Amino acid sequence: MIKEMKPLTLAEAKQLVNANKIENEEIQKYFKKFMKLKAKDVAEMKKELEALDNHKVKPEHIVKVIDFLPEDASDINKIFNDVSLDENEIKQITDIVRKFK
């Protein structure tokens, strides 16, 4: 039964898988291959992105930013394809991403 639906970063998904003691070698390889940040850094980055308090930045955008770590405005615009961010908003996001790379 589904109790709640919310977007998760890869680090959060890995924690959930490990907490439920799901032991699947392919799943663990997937996490190892695609996770770019440690769980501690993910939590800090998520807090900073949420602290922007921008109504355009939705939870699903935050998860994508954390998982993909966009490097420039072009990459960010691919994530935020449903809204239009101005230069200042893009700069705020790229500054946060750069701190954690």
PDB file of N, CA and C in Angstrom:
ATOM      1  N   MET A   1       0.832  -1.166   0.000  1.00  0.00           N
ATOM      2  CA  MET A   1       0.000   0.000   0.000  1.00  0.00           C
ATOM      3  C   MET A   1       0.886   1.242   0.000  1.00  0.00           C
ATOM      4  N   ILE A   2       0.576   2.189  -0.859  1.00  0.00           N
ATOM      5  CA  ILE A   2       1.325   3.437  -0.943  1.00  0.00           C
ATOM      6  C   ILE A   2       0.790   4.396   0.107  1.00  0.00           C
ATOM      7  N   LYS A   3       1.683   4.851   0.969  1.00  0.00           N
ATOM      8  CA  LYS A   3       1.290   5.775   2.023  1.00  0.00           C
ATOM      9  C   LYS A   3       1.580   7.217   1.635  1.00  0.00           C
ATOM     10  N   GLU A   4       2.649   7.417   0.873  1.00  0.00           N
ATOM     11  CA  GLU A   4       3.054   8.767   0.528  1.00  0.00           C
ATOM     12  C   GLU A   4       3.869   8.717  -0.767  1.00  0.00           C
ATOM     13  N   MET A   5       3.662   9.716  -1.608  1.00  0.00           N
ATOM     14  CA  MET A   5       4.456   9.818  -2.824  1.00  0.00           C
ATOM     15  C   MET A   5       5.208  11.134  -2.794  1.00  0.00           C
ATOM     16  N   LYS A   6       6.533  11.039  -2.884  1.00  0.00           N
ATOM     17  CA  LYS A   6       7.350  12.237  -2.946  1.00  0.00           C
ATOM     18  C   LYS A   6       8.628  11.899  -3.696  1.00  0.00           C
ATOM     19  N   PRO A   7       9.190  12.889  -4.383  1.00  0.00           N
ATOM     20  CA  PRO A   7      10.424  12.633  -5.123  1.00  0.00           C
ATOM     21  C   PRO A   7      11.595  12.403  -4.165  1.00  0.00           C
ATOM     22  N   LEU A   8      12.447  11.453  -4.506  1.00  0.00           N
ATOM     23  CA  LEU A   8      13.616  11.131  -3.699  1.00  0.00           C
ATOM     24  C   LEU A   8      14.879  11.266  -4.528  1.00  0.00           C
ATOM     25  N   THR A   9      15.937  11.736  -3.894  1.00  0.00           N
ATOM     26  CA  THR A   9      17.234  11.733  -4.550  1.00  0.00           C
ATOM     27  C   THR A   9      17.746  10.296  -4.570  1.00  0.00           C
ATOM     28  N   LEU A  10      18.778  10.048  -5.337  1.00  0.00           N
ATOM     29  CA  LEU A  10      19.351   8.702  -5.358  1.00  0.00           C
ATOM     30  C   LEU A  10      19.878   8.311  -3.979  1.00  0.00           C
ATOM     31  N   ALA A  11      20.463   9.263  -3.277  1.00  0.00           N
ATOM     32  CA  ALA A  11      20.990   8.976  -1.927  1.00  0.00           C
ATOM     33  C   ALA A  11      19.868   8.588  -0.977  1.00  0.00           C
ATOM     34  N   GLU A  12      18.737   9.288  -1.071  1.00  0.00           N
ATOM     35  CA  GLU A  12      17.597   8.952  -0.227  1.00  0.00           C
ATOM     36  C   GLU A  12      17.015   7.597  -0.608  1.00  0.00           C
ATOM     37  N   ALA A  13      16.976   7.298  -1.893  1.00  0.00           N
ATOM     38  CA  ALA A  13      16.475   6.000  -2.352  1.00  0.00           C
ATOM     39  C   ALA A  13      17.386   4.875  -1.861  1.00  0.00           C
ATOM     40  N   LYS A  14      18.694   5.123  -1.905  1.00  0.00           N
ATOM     41  CA  LYS A  14      19.635   4.109  -1.430  1.00  0.00           C
ATOM     42  C   LYS A  14      19.441   3.852   0.060  1.00  0.00           C
ATOM     43  N   GLN A  15      19.245   4.913   0.841  1.00  0.00           N
ATOM     44  CA  GLN A  15      19.004   4.749   2.272  1.00  0.00           C
ATOM     45  C   GLN A  15      17.742   3.935   2.521  1.00  0.00           C
ATOM     46  N   LEU A  16      16.719   4.185   1.728  1.00  0.00           N
ATOM     47  CA  LEU A  16      15.459   3.456   1.866  1.00  0.00           C
ATOM     48  C   LEU A  16      15.643   1.978   1.525  1.00  0.00           C
ATOM     49  N   VAL A  17      16.363   1.719   0.450  1.00  0.00           N
ATOM     50  CA  VAL A  17      16.636   0.333   0.044  1.00  0.00           C
ATOM     51  C   VAL A  17      17.434  -0.378   1.132  1.00  0.00           C
ATOM     52  N   ASN A  18      18.467   0.297   1.638  1.00  0.00           N
ATOM     53  CA  ASN A  18      19.294  -0.327   2.674  1.00  0.00           C
ATOM     54  C   ASN A  18      18.521  -0.523   3.978  1.00  0.00           C
ATOM     55  N   ALA A  19      17.659   0.415   4.319  1.00  0.00           N
ATOM     56  CA  ALA A  19      16.864   0.311   5.547  1.00  0.00           C
ATOM     57  C   ALA A  19      15.893  -0.866   5.479  1.00  0.00           C
ATOM     58  N   ASN A  20      15.419  -1.151   4.284  1.00  0.00           N
ATOM     59  CA  ASN A  20      14.494  -2.277   4.103  1.00  0.00           C
ATOM     60  C   ASN A  20      15.220  -3.573   3.788  1.00  0.00           C
ATOM     61  N   LYS A  21      16.529  -3.527   3.895  1.00  0.00           N
ATOM     62  CA  LYS A  21      17.386  -4.703   3.705  1.00  0.00           C
ATOM     63  C   LYS A  21      17.125  -5.413   2.383  1.00  0.00           C
ATOM     64  N   ILE A  22      16.971  -4.613   1.350  1.00  0.00           N
ATOM     65  CA  ILE A  22      16.822  -5.155   0.002  1.00  0.00           C
ATOM     66  C   ILE A  22      18.224  -5.354  -0.553  1.00  0.00           C
ATOM     67  N   GLU A  23      18.599  -6.590  -0.713  1.00  0.00           N
ATOM     68  CA  GLU A  23      19.950  -6.879  -1.183  1.00  0.00           C
ATOM     69  C   GLU A  23      19.898  -7.370  -2.619  1.00  0.00           C
ATOM     70  N   ASN A  24      20.180  -6.468  -3.505  1.00  0.00           N
ATOM     71  CA  ASN A  24      20.200  -6.776  -4.926  1.00  0.00           C
ATOM     72  C   ASN A  24      21.458  -6.148  -5.492  1.00  0.00           C
ATOM     73  N   GLU A  25      22.320  -6.981  -6.032  1.00  0.00           N
ATOM     74  CA  GLU A  25      23.615  -6.508  -6.523  1.00  0.00           C
ATOM     75  C   GLU A  25      23.459  -5.471  -7.634  1.00  0.00           C
ATOM     76  N   GLU A  26      22.488  -5.652  -8.519  1.00  0.00           N
ATOM     77  CA  GLU A  26      22.297  -4.708  -9.622  1.00  0.00           C
ATOM     78  C   GLU A  26      21.845  -3.343  -9.120  1.00  0.00           C
ATOM     79  N   ILE A  27      20.981  -3.323  -8.107  1.00  0.00           N
ATOM     80  CA  ILE A  27      20.537  -2.055  -7.535  1.00  0.00           C
ATOM     81  C   ILE A  27      21.723  -1.332  -6.904  1.00  0.00           C
ATOM     82  N   GLN A  28      22.546  -2.051  -6.177  1.00  0.00           N
ATOM     83  CA  GLN A  28      23.708  -1.432  -5.537  1.00  0.00           C
ATOM     84  C   GLN A  28      24.697  -0.904  -6.584  1.00  0.00           C
ATOM     85  N   LYS A  29      24.875  -1.638  -7.670  1.00  0.00           N
ATOM     86  CA  LYS A  29      25.749  -1.163  -8.761  1.00  0.00           C
ATOM     87  C   LYS A  29      25.203   0.119  -9.372  1.00  0.00           C
ATOM     88  N   TYR A  30      23.890   0.181  -9.521  1.00  0.00           N
ATOM     89  CA  TYR A  30      23.242   1.369 -10.076  1.00  0.00           C
ATOM     90  C   TYR A  30      23.524   2.583  -9.190  1.00  0.00           C
ATOM     91  N   PHE A  31      23.324   2.431  -7.896  1.00  0.00           N
ATOM     92  CA  PHE A  31      23.588   3.534  -6.975  1.00  0.00           C
ATOM     93  C   PHE A  31      25.049   3.954  -7.039  1.00  0.00           C
ATOM     94  N   LYS A  32      25.935   2.981  -7.053  1.00  0.00           N
ATOM     95  CA  LYS A  32      27.371   3.280  -7.076  1.00  0.00           C
ATOM     96  C   LYS A  32      27.754   4.031  -8.352  1.00  0.00           C
ATOM     97  N   LYS A  33      27.143   3.648  -9.456  1.00  0.00           N
ATOM     98  CA  LYS A  33      27.473   4.256 -10.744  1.00  0.00           C
ATOM     99  C   LYS A  33      26.935   5.688 -10.869  1.00  0.00           C
ATOM    100  N   PHE A  34      25.730   5.938 -10.376  1.00  0.00           N
ATOM    101  CA  PHE A  34      25.071   7.214 -10.642  1.00  0.00           C
ATOM    102  C   PHE A  34      25.048   8.206  -9.481  1.00  0.00           C
ATOM    103  N   MET A  35      25.288   7.756  -8.265  1.00  0.00           N
ATOM    104  CA  MET A  35      25.294   8.701  -7.142  1.00  0.00           C
ATOM    105  C   MET A  35      26.568   9.521  -7.183  1.00  0.00           C
ATOM    106  N   LYS A  36      26.404  10.836  -7.112  1.00  0.00           N
ATOM    107  CA  LYS A  36      27.555  11.724  -7.201  1.00  0.00           C
ATOM    108  C   LYS A  36      27.929  12.347  -5.863  1.00  0.00           C
ATOM    109  N   LEU A  37      26.993  12.354  -4.926  1.00  0.00           N
ATOM    110  CA  LEU A  37      27.232  12.968  -3.614  1.00  0.00           C
ATOM    111  C   LEU A  37      26.950  11.977  -2.497  1.00  0.00           C
ATOM    112  N   LYS A  38      27.568  12.228  -1.353  1.00  0.00           N
ATOM    113  CA  LYS A  38      27.289  11.428  -0.168  1.00  0.00           C
ATOM    114  C   LYS A  38      25.985  11.910   0.458  1.00  0.00           C
ATOM    115  N   ALA A  39      25.365  11.063   1.242  1.00  0.00           N
ATOM    116  CA  ALA A  39      24.063  11.376   1.850  1.00  0.00           C
ATOM    117  C   ALA A  39      24.110  12.657   2.676  1.00  0.00           C
ATOM    118  N   LYS A  40      25.202  12.878   3.393  1.00  0.00           N
ATOM    119  CA  LYS A  40      25.332  14.084   4.214  1.00  0.00           C
ATOM    120  C   LYS A  40      25.299  15.340   3.333  1.00  0.00           C
ATOM    121  N   ASP A  41      26.038  15.303   2.227  1.00  0.00           N
ATOM    122  CA  ASP A  41      26.074  16.442   1.308  1.00  0.00           C
ATOM    123  C   ASP A  41      24.721  16.649   0.635  1.00  0.00           C
ATOM    124  N   VAL A  42      24.045  15.556   0.330  1.00  0.00           N
ATOM    125  CA  VAL A  42      22.718  15.645  -0.287  1.00  0.00           C
ATOM    126  C   VAL A  42      21.757  16.377   0.642  1.00  0.00           C
ATOM    127  N   ALA A  43      21.783  16.022   1.914  1.00  0.00           N
ATOM    128  CA  ALA A  43      20.886  16.658   2.882  1.00  0.00           C
ATOM    129  C   ALA A  43      21.178  18.154   3.005  1.00  0.00           C
ATOM    130  N   GLU A  44      22.459  18.507   3.050  1.00  0.00           N
ATOM    131  CA  GLU A  44      22.831  19.922   3.156  1.00  0.00           C
ATOM    132  C   GLU A  44      22.433  20.695   1.900  1.00  0.00           C
ATOM    133  N   MET A  45      22.698  20.107   0.749  1.00  0.00           N
ATOM    134  CA  MET A  45      22.360  20.768  -0.512  1.00  0.00           C
ATOM    135  C   MET A  45      20.850  20.943  -0.645  1.00  0.00           C
ATOM    136  N   LYS A  46      20.115  19.938  -0.239  1.00  0.00           N
ATOM    137  CA  LYS A  46      18.659  20.013  -0.303  1.00  0.00           C
ATOM    138  C   LYS A  46      18.138  21.151   0.577  1.00  0.00           C
ATOM    139  N   LYS A  47      18.702  21.286   1.776  1.00  0.00           N
ATOM    140  CA  LYS A  47      18.302  22.368   2.676  1.00  0.00           C
ATOM    141  C   LYS A  47      18.568  23.728   2.043  1.00  0.00           C
ATOM    142  N   GLU A  48      19.734  23.859   1.423  1.00  0.00           N
ATOM    143  CA  GLU A  48      20.085  25.138   0.804  1.00  0.00           C
ATOM    144  C   GLU A  48      19.172  25.467  -0.376  1.00  0.00           C
ATOM    145  N   LEU A  49      18.860  24.478  -1.179  1.00  0.00           N
ATOM    146  CA  LEU A  49      17.966  24.714  -2.318  1.00  0.00           C
ATOM    147  C   LEU A  49      16.556  25.054  -1.846  1.00  0.00           C
ATOM    148  N   GLU A  50      16.108  24.382  -0.808  1.00  0.00           N
ATOM    149  CA  GLU A  50      14.786  24.692  -0.251  1.00  0.00           C
ATOM    150  C   GLU A  50      14.772  26.076   0.389  1.00  0.00           C
ATOM    151  N   ALA A  51      15.909  26.496   0.944  1.00  0.00           N
ATOM    152  CA  ALA A  51      16.009  27.800   1.600  1.00  0.00           C
ATOM    153  C   ALA A  51      15.899  28.956   0.606  1.00  0.00           C
ATOM    154  N   LEU A  52      16.070  28.675  -0.673  1.00  0.00           N
ATOM    155  CA  LEU A  52      15.886  29.729  -1.676  1.00  0.00           C
ATOM    156  C   LEU A  52      14.460  30.262  -1.625  1.00  0.00           C
ATOM    157  N   ASP A  53      13.559  29.425  -1.148  1.00  0.00           N
ATOM    158  CA  ASP A  53      12.153  29.794  -0.977  1.00  0.00           C
ATOM    159  C   ASP A  53      11.574  30.418  -2.250  1.00  0.00           C
ATOM    160  N   ASN A  54      11.848  29.753  -3.356  1.00  0.00           N
ATOM    161  CA  ASN A  54      11.379  30.207  -4.661  1.00  0.00           C
ATOM    162  C   ASN A  54      10.214  29.313  -5.073  1.00  0.00           C
ATOM    163  N   HIS A  55       9.068  29.916  -5.344  1.00  0.00           N
ATOM    164  CA  HIS A  55       7.888  29.124  -5.694  1.00  0.00           C
ATOM    165  C   HIS A  55       8.054  28.376  -7.016  1.00  0.00           C
ATOM    166  N   LYS A  56       9.009  28.775  -7.836  1.00  0.00           N
ATOM    167  CA  LYS A  56       9.256  28.078  -9.104  1.00  0.00           C
ATOM    168  C   LYS A  56      10.030  26.774  -8.896  1.00  0.00           C
ATOM    169  N   VAL A  57      10.774  26.702  -7.818  1.00  0.00           N
ATOM    170  CA  VAL A  57      11.614  25.539  -7.529  1.00  0.00           C
ATOM    171  C   VAL A  57      10.803  24.534  -6.719  1.00  0.00           C
ATOM    172  N   LYS A  58      10.355  23.502  -7.398  1.00  0.00           N
ATOM    173  CA  LYS A  58       9.514  22.472  -6.776  1.00  0.00           C
ATOM    174  C   LYS A  58      10.387  21.318  -6.267  1.00  0.00           C
ATOM    175  N   PRO A  59       9.845  20.485  -5.382  1.00  0.00           N
ATOM    176  CA  PRO A  59      10.629  19.358  -4.853  1.00  0.00           C
ATOM    177  C   PRO A  59      11.217  18.460  -5.946  1.00  0.00           C
ATOM    178  N   GLU A  60      10.470  18.224  -7.020  1.00  0.00           N
ATOM    179  CA  GLU A  60      11.008  17.375  -8.090  1.00  0.00           C
ATOM    180  C   GLU A  60      12.183  18.036  -8.803  1.00  0.00           C
ATOM    181  N   HIS A  61      12.195  19.373  -8.862  1.00  0.00           N
ATOM    182  CA  HIS A  61      13.334  20.087  -9.446  1.00  0.00           C
ATOM    183  C   HIS A  61      14.560  19.948  -8.549  1.00  0.00           C
ATOM    184  N   ILE A  62      14.341  20.080  -7.252  1.00  0.00           N
ATOM    185  CA  ILE A  62      15.445  19.973  -6.293  1.00  0.00           C
ATOM    186  C   ILE A  62      16.109  18.601  -6.399  1.00  0.00           C
ATOM    187  N   VAL A  63      15.305  17.559  -6.498  1.00  0.00           N
ATOM    188  CA  VAL A  63      15.835  16.197  -6.616  1.00  0.00           C
ATOM    189  C   VAL A  63      16.677  16.061  -7.883  1.00  0.00           C
ATOM    190  N   LYS A  64      16.189  16.593  -8.982  1.00  0.00           N
ATOM    191  CA  LYS A  64      16.946  16.509 -10.241  1.00  0.00           C
ATOM    192  C   LYS A  64      18.242  17.300 -10.167  1.00  0.00           C
ATOM    193  N   VAL A  65      18.200  18.472  -9.559  1.00  0.00           N
ATOM    194  CA  VAL A  65      19.424  19.277  -9.418  1.00  0.00           C
ATOM    195  C   VAL A  65      20.455  18.502  -8.610  1.00  0.00           C
ATOM    196  N   ILE A  66      20.031  17.886  -7.530  1.00  0.00           N
ATOM    197  CA  ILE A  66      20.955  17.128  -6.676  1.00  0.00           C
ATOM    198  C   ILE A  66      21.511  15.912  -7.410  1.00  0.00           C
ATOM    199  N   ASP A  67      20.679  15.195  -8.129  1.00  0.00           N
ATOM    200  CA  ASP A  67      21.138  13.984  -8.817  1.00  0.00           C
ATOM    201  C   ASP A  67      21.996  14.286 -10.046  1.00  0.00           C
ATOM    202  N   PHE A  68      21.671  15.354 -10.769  1.00  0.00           N
ATOM    203  CA  PHE A  68      22.390  15.650 -12.017  1.00  0.00           C
ATOM    204  C   PHE A  68      23.541  16.637 -11.836  1.00  0.00           C
ATOM    205  N   LEU A  69      23.503  17.464 -10.786  1.00  0.00           N
ATOM    206  CA  LEU A  69      24.517  18.482 -10.534  1.00  0.00           C
ATOM    207  C   LEU A  69      24.808  19.309 -11.801  1.00  0.00           C
ATOM    208  N   PRO A  70      23.837  20.088 -12.258  1.00  0.00           N
ATOM    209  CA  PRO A  70      24.017  20.864 -13.482  1.00  0.00           C
ATOM    210  C   PRO A  70      25.150  21.877 -13.350  1.00  0.00           C
ATOM    211  N   GLU A  71      25.886  22.060 -14.434  1.00  0.00           N
ATOM    212  CA  GLU A  71      27.067  22.912 -14.389  1.00  0.00           C
ATOM    213  C   GLU A  71      26.820  24.341 -14.857  1.00  0.00           C
ATOM    214  N   ASP A  72      25.825  24.540 -15.697  1.00  0.00           N
ATOM    215  CA  ASP A  72      25.614  25.882 -16.246  1.00  0.00           C
ATOM    216  C   ASP A  72      24.127  26.135 -16.480  1.00  0.00           C
ATOM    217  N   ALA A  73      23.827  27.328 -16.993  1.00  0.00           N
ATOM    218  CA  ALA A  73      22.439  27.740 -17.213  1.00  0.00           C
ATOM    219  C   ALA A  73      21.723  26.795 -18.172  1.00  0.00           C
ATOM    220  N   SER A  74      22.424  26.328 -19.168  1.00  0.00           N
ATOM    221  CA  SER A  74      21.822  25.408 -20.142  1.00  0.00           C
ATOM    222  C   SER A  74      21.341  24.128 -19.468  1.00  0.00           C
ATOM    223  N   ASP A  75      22.187  23.573 -18.601  1.00  0.00           N
ATOM    224  CA  ASP A  75      21.818  22.355 -17.879  1.00  0.00           C
ATOM    225  C   ASP A  75      20.642  22.604 -16.933  1.00  0.00           C
ATOM    226  N   ILE A  76      20.657  23.741 -16.277  1.00  0.00           N
ATOM    227  CA  ILE A  76      19.572  24.074 -15.345  1.00  0.00           C
ATOM    228  C   ILE A  76      18.260  24.254 -16.096  1.00  0.00           C
ATOM    229  N   ASN A  77      18.307  24.895 -17.243  1.00  0.00           N
ATOM    230  CA  ASN A  77      17.086  25.101 -18.034  1.00  0.00           C
ATOM    231  C   ASN A  77      16.494  23.783 -18.524  1.00  0.00           C
ATOM    232  N   LYS A  78      17.320  22.774 -18.686  1.00  0.00           N
ATOM    233  CA  LYS A  78      16.807  21.456 -19.069  1.00  0.00           C
ATOM    234  C   LYS A  78      16.010  20.830 -17.923  1.00  0.00           C
ATOM    235  N   ILE A  79      16.419  21.095 -16.710  1.00  0.00           N
ATOM    236  CA  ILE A  79      15.699  20.590 -15.538  1.00  0.00           C
ATOM    237  C   ILE A  79      14.415  21.374 -15.323  1.00  0.00           C
ATOM    238  N   PHE A  80      14.513  22.680 -15.461  1.00  0.00           N
ATOM    239  CA  PHE A  80      13.369  23.569 -15.242  1.00  0.00           C
ATOM    240  C   PHE A  80      12.686  23.895 -16.564  1.00  0.00           C
ATOM    241  N   ASN A  81      12.394  22.890 -17.350  1.00  0.00           N
ATOM    242  CA  ASN A  81      11.804  23.118 -18.671  1.00  0.00           C
ATOM    243  C   ASN A  81      10.346  23.557 -18.601  1.00  0.00           C
ATOM    244  N   ASP A  82       9.709  23.395 -17.461  1.00  0.00           N
ATOM    245  CA  ASP A  82       8.296  23.774 -17.327  1.00  0.00           C
ATOM    246  C   ASP A  82       8.103  25.175 -16.737  1.00  0.00           C
ATOM    247  N   VAL A  83       9.191  25.785 -16.261  1.00  0.00           N
ATOM    248  CA  VAL A  83       9.136  27.159 -15.737  1.00  0.00           C
ATOM    249  C   VAL A  83      10.312  27.945 -16.294  1.00  0.00           C
ATOM    250  N   SER A  84      10.209  29.238 -16.218  1.00  0.00           N
ATOM    251  CA  SER A  84      11.270  30.101 -16.719  1.00  0.00           C
ATOM    252  C   SER A  84      11.976  30.772 -15.546  1.00  0.00           C
ATOM    253  N   LEU A  85      13.254  30.469 -15.396  1.00  0.00           N
ATOM    254  CA  LEU A  85      14.046  31.080 -14.328  1.00  0.00           C
ATOM    255  C   LEU A  85      14.810  32.280 -14.884  1.00  0.00           C
ATOM    256  N   ASP A  86      14.940  33.323 -14.067  1.00  0.00           N
ATOM    257  CA  ASP A  86      15.743  34.464 -14.517  1.00  0.00           C
ATOM    258  C   ASP A  86      17.215  34.207 -14.185  1.00  0.00           C
ATOM    259  N   GLU A  87      18.087  35.103 -14.622  1.00  0.00           N
ATOM    260  CA  GLU A  87      19.528  34.901 -14.450  1.00  0.00           C
ATOM    261  C   GLU A  87      19.926  34.793 -12.982  1.00  0.00           C
ATOM    262  N   ASN A  88      19.306  35.597 -12.133  1.00  0.00           N
ATOM    263  CA  ASN A  88      19.635  35.570 -10.710  1.00  0.00           C
ATOM    264  C   ASN A  88      19.263  34.218 -10.085  1.00  0.00           C
ATOM    265  N   GLU A  89      18.111  33.692 -10.437  1.00  0.00           N
ATOM    266  CA  GLU A  89      17.671  32.393  -9.902  1.00  0.00           C
ATOM    267  C   GLU A  89      18.609  31.278 -10.365  1.00  0.00           C
ATOM    268  N   ILE A  90      19.023  31.341 -11.615  1.00  0.00           N
ATOM    269  CA  ILE A  90      19.958  30.342 -12.148  1.00  0.00           C
ATOM    270  C   ILE A  90      21.297  30.445 -11.425  1.00  0.00           C
ATOM    271  N   LYS A  91      21.760  31.668 -11.208  1.00  0.00           N
ATOM    272  CA  LYS A  91      23.036  31.873 -10.518  1.00  0.00           C
ATOM    273  C   LYS A  91      22.981  31.325  -9.092  1.00  0.00           C
ATOM    274  N   GLN A  92      21.875  31.549  -8.398  1.00  0.00           N
ATOM    275  CA  GLN A  92      21.738  31.029  -7.040  1.00  0.00           C
ATOM    276  C   GLN A  92      21.864  29.508  -7.024  1.00  0.00           C
ATOM    277  N   ILE A  93      21.216  28.858  -7.969  1.00  0.00           N
ATOM    278  CA  ILE A  93      21.257  27.388  -8.027  1.00  0.00           C
ATOM    279  C   ILE A  93      22.652  26.902  -8.391  1.00  0.00           C
ATOM    280  N   THR A  94      23.283  27.522  -9.398  1.00  0.00           N
ATOM    281  CA  THR A  94      24.630  27.085  -9.789  1.00  0.00           C
ATOM    282  C   THR A  94      25.641  27.319  -8.678  1.00  0.00           C
ATOM    283  N   ASP A  95      25.496  28.394  -7.915  1.00  0.00           N
ATOM    284  CA  ASP A  95      26.395  28.650  -6.790  1.00  0.00           C
ATOM    285  C   ASP A  95      26.291  27.551  -5.732  1.00  0.00           C
ATOM    286  N   ILE A  96      25.065  27.126  -5.459  1.00  0.00           N
ATOM    287  CA  ILE A  96      24.862  26.049  -4.487  1.00  0.00           C
ATOM    288  C   ILE A  96      25.470  24.741  -4.997  1.00  0.00           C
ATOM    289  N   VAL A  97      25.239  24.426  -6.260  1.00  0.00           N
ATOM    290  CA  VAL A  97      25.777  23.189  -6.840  1.00  0.00           C
ATOM    291  C   VAL A  97      27.303  23.192  -6.787  1.00  0.00           C
ATOM    292  N   ARG A  98      27.911  24.306  -7.115  1.00  0.00           N
ATOM    293  CA  ARG A  98      29.378  24.390  -7.124  1.00  0.00           C
ATOM    294  C   ARG A  98      29.978  24.141  -5.731  1.00  0.00           C
ATOM    295  N   LYS A  99      29.270  24.540  -4.690  1.00  0.00           N
ATOM    296  CA  LYS A  99      29.772  24.327  -3.329  1.00  0.00           C
ATOM    297  C   LYS A  99      29.916  22.843  -2.996  1.00  0.00           C
ATOM    298  N   PHE A 100      29.109  22.018  -3.625  1.00  0.00           N
ATOM    299  CA  PHE A 100      29.088  20.596  -3.262  1.00  0.00           C
ATOM    300  C   PHE A 100      29.809  19.696  -4.265  1.00  0.00           C
ATOM    301  N   LYS A 101      30.305  20.236  -5.340  1.00  0.00           N
ATOM    302  CA  LYS A 101      31.020  19.415  -6.326  1.00  0.00           C
ATOM    303  C   LYS A 101      32.416  19.109  -5.882  1.00  0.00           C
TER     304      LYS A 101
END
